[in-house]
Protein backbone atom coordinates (compact mmCIF):
# COMPACT_ATOMS: atom_id res chain seq x y z
CA MET A 1 11.07 1.21 -26.08
CA LYS A 2 7.42 2.09 -26.91
CA PRO A 3 6.13 3.85 -23.99
CA ILE A 4 3.10 2.29 -21.93
CA GLU A 5 0.02 4.07 -22.60
CA THR A 6 -1.61 4.15 -18.99
CA ALA A 7 -4.92 5.51 -17.71
CA LEU A 8 -6.45 5.95 -14.46
CA LEU A 9 -9.81 4.87 -13.56
CA SER A 10 -9.91 8.06 -10.82
CA PHE A 11 -8.42 11.40 -10.67
CA GLY A 12 -9.27 12.33 -7.13
CA MET A 13 -6.51 12.17 -4.33
CA SER A 14 -4.93 8.88 -5.24
CA GLY A 15 -4.51 9.68 -9.00
CA ARG A 16 -3.40 13.12 -8.44
CA VAL A 17 -0.94 12.24 -5.77
CA PHE A 18 0.18 8.76 -6.11
CA HIS A 19 0.00 7.74 -9.38
CA ALA A 20 -0.07 10.56 -12.08
CA PRO A 21 2.97 12.33 -11.27
CA PHE A 22 5.15 9.28 -11.68
CA ILE A 23 3.51 8.11 -14.81
CA GLN A 24 4.08 11.60 -16.45
CA LEU A 25 7.57 11.83 -15.32
CA HIS A 26 8.68 8.30 -16.03
CA PRO A 27 10.02 8.27 -19.67
CA GLY A 28 8.54 4.68 -20.24
CA PHE A 29 5.03 5.62 -19.91
CA ASN A 30 2.48 8.13 -21.33
CA LEU A 31 -0.75 9.14 -19.28
CA ARG A 32 -3.50 9.11 -21.63
CA GLY A 33 -5.98 10.18 -19.37
CA SER A 34 -8.61 9.07 -16.56
CA TRP A 35 -12.16 8.36 -16.17
CA GLU A 36 -13.99 11.40 -14.54
CA ARG A 37 -17.25 10.91 -13.09
CA SER A 38 -18.11 14.55 -12.48
CA LYS A 39 -15.13 17.20 -11.93
CA LYS A 40 -13.15 17.38 -15.36
CA THR A 41 -9.73 18.35 -14.24
CA ILE A 42 -6.96 16.16 -16.01
CA GLU A 43 -6.92 17.86 -18.88
CA ASN A 44 -6.11 20.99 -17.05
CA ALA A 45 -3.52 19.50 -14.94
CA TYR A 46 -1.92 17.19 -17.59
CA PRO A 47 -2.58 18.99 -21.16
CA GLY A 48 -3.02 16.33 -23.78
CA THR A 49 -4.56 13.98 -21.73
CA SER A 50 -8.34 12.88 -21.96
CA SER A 51 -11.11 12.83 -19.60
CA TYR A 52 -13.12 9.75 -20.19
CA ASP A 53 -17.16 9.67 -19.41
CA SER A 54 -16.99 6.09 -18.65
CA MET A 55 -15.04 3.08 -17.63
CA GLU A 56 -16.26 1.54 -20.84
CA ALA A 57 -14.69 4.36 -22.93
CA VAL A 58 -11.27 3.83 -21.20
CA LEU A 59 -11.42 0.08 -21.75
CA ALA A 60 -12.44 0.70 -25.44
CA ASP A 61 -9.39 2.85 -26.10
CA PRO A 62 -7.15 0.20 -28.00
CA SER A 63 -4.04 2.34 -27.59
CA ILE A 64 -4.04 1.79 -23.54
CA GLU A 65 -2.06 -1.10 -22.33
CA LEU A 66 -2.31 -0.24 -18.59
CA ILE A 67 -5.07 0.58 -16.34
CA ILE A 68 -4.78 1.72 -12.66
CA VAL A 69 -7.69 0.70 -10.61
CA ASN A 70 -7.49 3.43 -7.87
CA THR A 71 -11.21 3.47 -7.22
CA PRO A 72 -12.90 2.54 -3.84
CA ILE A 73 -11.96 -0.97 -2.55
CA TYR A 74 -15.37 -2.33 -3.01
CA SER A 75 -15.00 -1.68 -6.80
CA HIS A 76 -11.71 -3.10 -7.21
CA PHE A 77 -12.86 -6.86 -8.15
CA GLU A 78 -15.50 -5.56 -10.75
CA TYR A 79 -13.13 -3.08 -12.48
CA ALA A 80 -10.11 -5.02 -12.34
CA THR A 81 -12.00 -7.81 -13.97
CA ALA A 82 -13.56 -5.82 -16.63
CA ALA A 83 -9.73 -4.41 -17.33
CA LEU A 84 -8.42 -7.84 -17.69
CA LYS A 85 -11.06 -9.10 -19.89
CA ALA A 86 -10.45 -6.00 -22.14
CA GLY A 87 -6.92 -7.23 -22.67
CA LYS A 88 -5.04 -4.67 -20.23
CA HIS A 89 -2.44 -5.01 -17.65
CA ILE A 90 -3.56 -3.56 -14.32
CA VAL A 91 -2.12 -2.01 -11.33
CA VAL A 92 -4.62 -2.30 -8.44
CA GLU A 93 -4.53 0.02 -5.22
CA LYS A 94 -5.03 -1.37 -1.81
CA ALA A 95 -6.74 -3.13 -0.63
CA PHE A 96 -6.38 -5.39 -3.54
CA THR A 97 -9.88 -6.88 -3.15
CA CYS A 98 -12.48 -7.10 -0.44
CA ASN A 99 -11.59 -10.71 0.54
CA ALA A 100 -8.97 -13.52 -0.48
CA ALA A 101 -11.67 -15.43 -2.90
CA GLU A 102 -11.87 -12.36 -5.05
CA ALA A 103 -8.03 -11.74 -5.03
CA GLU A 104 -7.45 -15.44 -6.05
CA MET A 105 -10.16 -14.91 -8.91
CA LEU A 106 -8.50 -11.98 -10.05
CA VAL A 107 -4.90 -13.80 -10.17
CA SER A 108 -6.47 -16.70 -12.05
CA LEU A 109 -7.94 -14.57 -14.75
CA ALA A 110 -4.78 -12.67 -15.28
CA LYS A 111 -2.92 -15.93 -15.89
CA GLU A 112 -5.75 -16.94 -18.25
CA VAL A 113 -5.91 -13.93 -20.41
CA ASN A 114 -1.88 -13.61 -20.33
CA LYS A 115 -1.78 -10.12 -18.41
CA LYS A 116 -0.12 -8.81 -15.40
CA ILE A 117 -1.19 -7.55 -12.16
CA PHE A 118 0.76 -5.24 -10.16
CA VAL A 119 -0.63 -4.62 -6.43
CA TYR A 120 0.28 -0.71 -5.60
CA GLN A 121 2.06 -1.06 -2.09
CA ASN A 122 4.01 2.21 -2.40
CA ARG A 123 4.76 1.97 1.46
CA ARG A 124 7.32 -0.62 0.55
CA TRP A 125 9.54 2.35 -0.66
CA ASP A 126 9.06 4.67 2.46
CA SER A 127 12.28 5.91 3.63
CA ASP A 128 11.24 4.68 7.05
CA PHE A 129 10.54 1.07 6.12
CA LEU A 130 13.51 0.90 3.99
CA THR A 131 15.53 1.71 6.88
CA MET A 132 14.06 -0.71 8.99
CA LYS A 133 14.41 -3.20 6.35
CA LYS A 134 18.13 -2.55 5.84
CA VAL A 135 18.59 -2.83 9.54
CA HIS A 136 16.86 -5.88 9.81
CA GLU A 137 18.67 -7.67 6.86
CA SER A 138 22.19 -6.42 8.47
CA GLY A 139 21.78 -9.11 11.27
CA VAL A 140 22.94 -6.55 13.74
CA LEU A 141 19.67 -7.28 15.92
CA GLY A 142 20.35 -11.13 15.80
CA ASP A 143 17.03 -12.92 15.76
CA ILE A 144 14.00 -11.10 15.83
CA VAL A 145 11.69 -11.97 18.69
CA GLU A 146 9.17 -9.11 18.47
CA ALA A 147 8.15 -6.43 15.84
CA GLU A 148 5.53 -3.73 16.13
CA PHE A 149 4.37 -1.59 13.20
CA HIS A 150 1.93 1.28 13.63
CA PHE A 151 0.00 3.46 11.37
CA ASP A 152 -1.69 6.08 13.84
CA ARG A 153 -3.47 9.32 13.36
CA TYR A 154 -5.57 11.75 15.35
CA ASN A 155 -8.40 12.57 13.32
CA PRO A 156 -11.81 11.85 15.15
CA LEU A 157 -13.88 13.34 12.53
CA MET A 158 -15.67 11.19 9.93
CA SER A 159 -14.43 11.18 6.37
CA PRO A 160 -16.65 13.11 3.82
CA LYS A 161 -16.03 9.93 1.57
CA ARG A 162 -19.05 7.91 2.29
CA HIS A 163 -17.32 4.79 0.87
CA LYS A 164 -14.91 5.09 3.70
CA GLU A 165 -17.86 5.25 6.24
CA ASP A 166 -20.73 3.50 5.35
CA ALA A 167 -20.78 0.03 6.57
CA GLY A 168 -20.01 -2.42 3.79
CA PRO A 169 -17.54 -4.44 1.87
CA GLY A 170 -13.88 -2.90 1.77
CA ALA A 171 -14.95 -0.46 4.26
CA GLY A 172 -12.95 0.58 7.62
CA ILE A 173 -9.42 0.93 8.75
CA VAL A 174 -8.53 -2.75 8.49
CA THR A 175 -8.68 -2.51 4.60
CA ASP A 176 -7.73 1.33 4.45
CA LEU A 177 -4.63 1.59 6.45
CA GLY A 178 -4.29 -2.28 7.33
CA PRO A 179 -2.85 -3.61 3.92
CA HIS A 180 0.19 -1.13 4.30
CA LEU A 181 1.22 -2.80 7.63
CA ILE A 182 0.40 -6.23 6.52
CA ASP A 183 2.32 -6.15 3.50
CA GLN A 184 5.50 -4.64 5.14
CA ALA A 185 5.23 -7.50 7.76
CA LEU A 186 4.77 -10.34 5.17
CA HIS A 187 7.44 -8.87 2.91
CA LEU A 188 9.75 -8.59 5.90
CA PHE A 189 8.89 -11.82 7.85
CA GLY A 190 6.94 -14.05 5.37
CA LYS A 191 3.46 -15.66 6.00
CA PRO A 192 2.72 -16.21 9.55
CA THR A 193 1.31 -19.65 11.06
CA HIS A 194 -1.51 -17.79 12.73
CA VAL A 195 -3.56 -14.77 13.20
CA PHE A 196 -5.41 -13.09 16.03
CA ALA A 197 -7.07 -9.64 16.00
CA ASP A 198 -8.87 -7.20 17.97
CA LEU A 199 -10.91 -4.95 15.93
CA ARG A 200 -13.22 -1.99 17.56
CA LYS A 201 -15.28 0.97 16.69
CA THR A 202 -14.20 3.84 18.79
CA ARG A 203 -15.51 7.17 17.06
CA PRO A 204 -18.82 8.26 18.24
CA GLY A 205 -21.42 7.14 15.62
CA THR A 206 -19.00 5.25 13.42
CA GLU A 207 -20.35 2.33 11.38
CA VAL A 208 -16.98 0.88 10.54
CA ILE A 209 -13.82 -0.62 12.25
CA ASP A 210 -11.50 2.47 13.15
CA LEU A 211 -9.07 0.61 15.29
CA PHE A 212 -7.37 -2.79 14.97
CA GLU A 213 -4.67 -4.82 16.40
CA ILE A 214 -3.56 -7.86 14.81
CA LEU A 215 -1.17 -10.22 15.85
CA LEU A 216 0.80 -12.40 13.44
CA TYR A 217 2.39 -15.43 14.92
CA TYR A 218 5.70 -17.09 13.57
CA PRO A 219 7.51 -20.18 15.28
CA ALA A 220 10.19 -17.76 16.99
CA LEU A 221 8.65 -14.48 16.26
CA ARG A 222 5.47 -12.38 17.19
CA VAL A 223 4.48 -9.25 14.89
CA ARG A 224 2.07 -6.60 16.24
CA LEU A 225 0.15 -4.43 13.60
CA LYS A 226 -1.77 -1.47 14.98
CA SER A 227 -3.65 1.45 13.69
CA GLY A 228 -6.40 3.87 14.85
CA TYR A 229 -7.29 7.30 14.90
CA TYR A 230 -6.91 8.51 18.36
CA PHE A 231 -3.32 8.91 18.89
CA LYS A 232 -2.54 12.43 19.70
CA GLU A 233 1.12 11.51 20.83
CA PRO A 234 2.83 9.42 17.84
CA ILE A 235 4.20 6.04 18.98
CA PRO A 236 7.40 4.71 17.12
CA ALA A 237 6.03 3.38 13.92
CA PHE A 238 8.62 0.52 13.64
CA GLN A 239 9.98 -1.39 16.41
CA LEU A 240 12.31 -4.48 15.82
CA HIS A 241 13.34 -6.20 19.09
CA GLY A 242 16.23 -9.05 18.87
CA THR A 243 18.30 -11.51 20.61
CA LYS A 244 21.14 -8.60 20.23
CA GLY A 245 19.38 -5.22 20.54
CA SER A 246 16.46 -3.13 19.26
CA PHE A 247 15.69 -0.59 16.76
CA ILE A 248 13.03 2.16 16.81
CA LYS A 249 11.85 4.32 14.20
CA SER A 250 9.13 7.05 13.66
CA ARG A 251 7.16 7.17 10.49
CA SER A 252 8.69 10.28 8.73
CA ASP A 253 8.38 9.71 5.02
CA ARG A 254 7.72 12.83 3.33
CA GLN A 255 6.76 11.76 -0.03
CA GLU A 256 2.93 11.84 0.24
CA VAL A 257 3.10 15.21 2.20
CA ASP A 258 5.42 16.57 -0.59
CA LEU A 259 3.45 15.09 -3.46
CA ASP A 260 0.01 16.44 -1.94
CA LYS A 261 1.63 19.87 -2.17
CA GLY A 262 2.23 19.33 -5.78
CA HIS A 263 6.08 18.72 -5.61
CA VAL A 264 7.51 17.12 -8.44
CA PRO A 265 9.05 13.73 -7.44
CA ILE A 266 12.60 14.13 -8.78
CA GLY A 267 16.08 15.48 -7.17
CA GLU A 268 18.50 14.62 -4.78
CA ASN A 269 16.49 15.95 -1.99
CA TRP A 270 13.45 13.82 -2.69
CA GLY A 271 12.30 11.47 -0.30
CA VAL A 272 15.22 12.30 2.07
CA ASP A 273 14.34 12.11 5.79
CA ALA A 274 15.24 14.83 8.35
CA PRO A 275 17.98 14.01 11.00
CA SER A 276 15.84 14.71 13.77
CA GLU A 277 13.65 11.57 12.44
CA TYR A 278 16.73 9.17 12.31
CA GLY A 279 15.80 5.81 13.74
CA LEU A 280 17.70 4.57 17.17
CA LEU A 281 19.76 1.60 17.40
CA HIS A 282 20.63 -0.02 20.64
CA VAL A 283 22.61 -3.04 20.59
CA ASP A 284 24.16 -5.03 23.50
CA GLY A 285 27.44 -3.76 24.37
CA SER A 286 27.43 -0.54 22.77
CA SER A 287 25.80 2.79 23.23
CA PRO A 288 22.54 3.97 21.46
CA GLU A 289 23.09 5.47 18.07
CA ARG A 290 21.21 7.32 15.48
CA VAL A 291 21.04 5.44 11.98
CA ALA A 292 20.57 7.80 8.84
CA SER A 293 17.32 7.06 6.90
CA GLU A 294 17.29 5.44 3.58
CA LYS A 295 15.99 7.56 0.55
CA GLY A 296 12.41 7.10 0.09
CA GLU A 297 11.43 6.31 -3.60
CA TYR A 298 8.00 5.65 -4.72
CA MET A 299 9.21 5.72 -8.46
CA ALA A 300 10.64 2.44 -7.76
CA PHE A 301 7.15 0.83 -7.96
CA TYR A 302 6.51 2.41 -11.73
CA GLU A 303 10.15 1.78 -12.77
CA ASN A 304 9.37 -2.07 -11.76
CA VAL A 305 6.20 -2.03 -13.74
CA PHE A 306 7.97 -0.76 -16.68
CA GLN A 307 10.85 -3.28 -16.34
CA SER A 308 8.19 -5.96 -16.06
CA LEU A 309 6.00 -5.01 -19.12
CA ARG A 310 8.88 -4.25 -21.45
CA SER A 311 11.71 -6.68 -19.96
CA GLY A 312 10.04 -9.17 -18.30
CA VAL A 313 11.38 -8.66 -14.97
CA ALA A 314 9.08 -10.17 -12.32
CA PRO A 315 6.83 -7.74 -10.53
CA ALA A 316 8.04 -6.43 -7.36
CA VAL A 317 4.36 -6.66 -5.65
CA THR A 318 2.71 -9.43 -6.93
CA GLY A 319 -1.00 -10.56 -7.42
CA GLU A 320 -0.10 -13.48 -5.06
CA ASP A 321 1.45 -10.99 -2.45
CA GLY A 322 -2.03 -9.40 -2.87
CA ILE A 323 -3.67 -12.75 -1.93
CA ALA A 324 -1.54 -13.37 1.09
CA SER A 325 -2.38 -9.97 2.43
CA MET A 326 -6.32 -10.55 1.94
CA ARG A 327 -5.96 -13.89 3.67
CA VAL A 328 -4.59 -12.12 6.85
CA ILE A 329 -7.41 -9.55 6.83
CA ASP A 330 -10.03 -12.72 6.18
CA ALA A 331 -8.49 -14.28 9.24
CA ALA A 332 -8.46 -10.94 11.36
CA TYR A 333 -12.15 -10.79 10.67
CA GLU A 334 -12.66 -14.52 11.30
CA SER A 335 -10.84 -13.99 14.53
CA LEU A 336 -13.08 -10.96 15.90
CA GLU A 337 -16.07 -13.37 15.02
CA LYS A 338 -14.89 -16.29 16.67
CA GLN A 339 -12.68 -14.58 19.15
CA ALA A 340 -9.85 -17.05 18.61
CA VAL A 341 -6.58 -17.46 17.09
CA ILE A 342 -6.98 -18.42 13.48
CA SER A 343 -4.68 -20.62 11.43
CA TYR A 344 -3.35 -18.72 8.22
């Protein structure tokens, strides 16, 4: 099949680590290049690619079929809209948009111009999440009554990237790390009935939310999502507690670390968890046991994009998924404002 000619809208950390290696490696794609505003590095990193001086130049290239919108969150709606109107399919980084209204407009526009949206939620293919998902779907825990997902760090310093620290649309940890946890929860348990959130500013001088706890309520289940920058000792990233037992798992997927080191995402050891990081399963009537981790595989996202554009397979992470996550984020901010539980 004809390779999908693909261009990035940024070749910073996101483009270099999460997108370009997979686009380059997958035989179904051809990396055309990236919009680069100041540093011109993609041509050296990937010979044969082009460094575009503007987004307009990217969109005007008739050979490009797929655009990766991997720019700051506040720009997603504007750039994704422009790409769709230019007749391109799009992959949009998390957070999908700044709010659910923008997400709904993008999905509506994509249908109007007959183009596809893929929301980049690579954490669905983390080894730790895949392991938890397998345990959950096995039914060994019975009915889940409480789940808790964390994405914690110890990093009290301000980011040098001003779009992450200046108060404004899309800034703060709720739209930075929150979409990972929210998407994982919705993927596993579906849409909640109600949302409650406690959002705080904890670092000296910060202008943005940097600690959140979001509760998703279901008829017989509560899901707690939490992230912050003052967690020196790691808390289990994933906890499932059911009527028959519990499963606890650390955040241990190594794909981002290895990609940042320049490792090529291929081989039998790619995405393999260390045995020391295996999760703990304790079911009523039996002794605690370690559960071997599933293999993490971010390439599965781009394989799905390829199959969707060339064979009509349904997108793994749809624009509708993006809307659902943004509705949770909207509800979280409304909950903060009203100090109330919000109907989803």
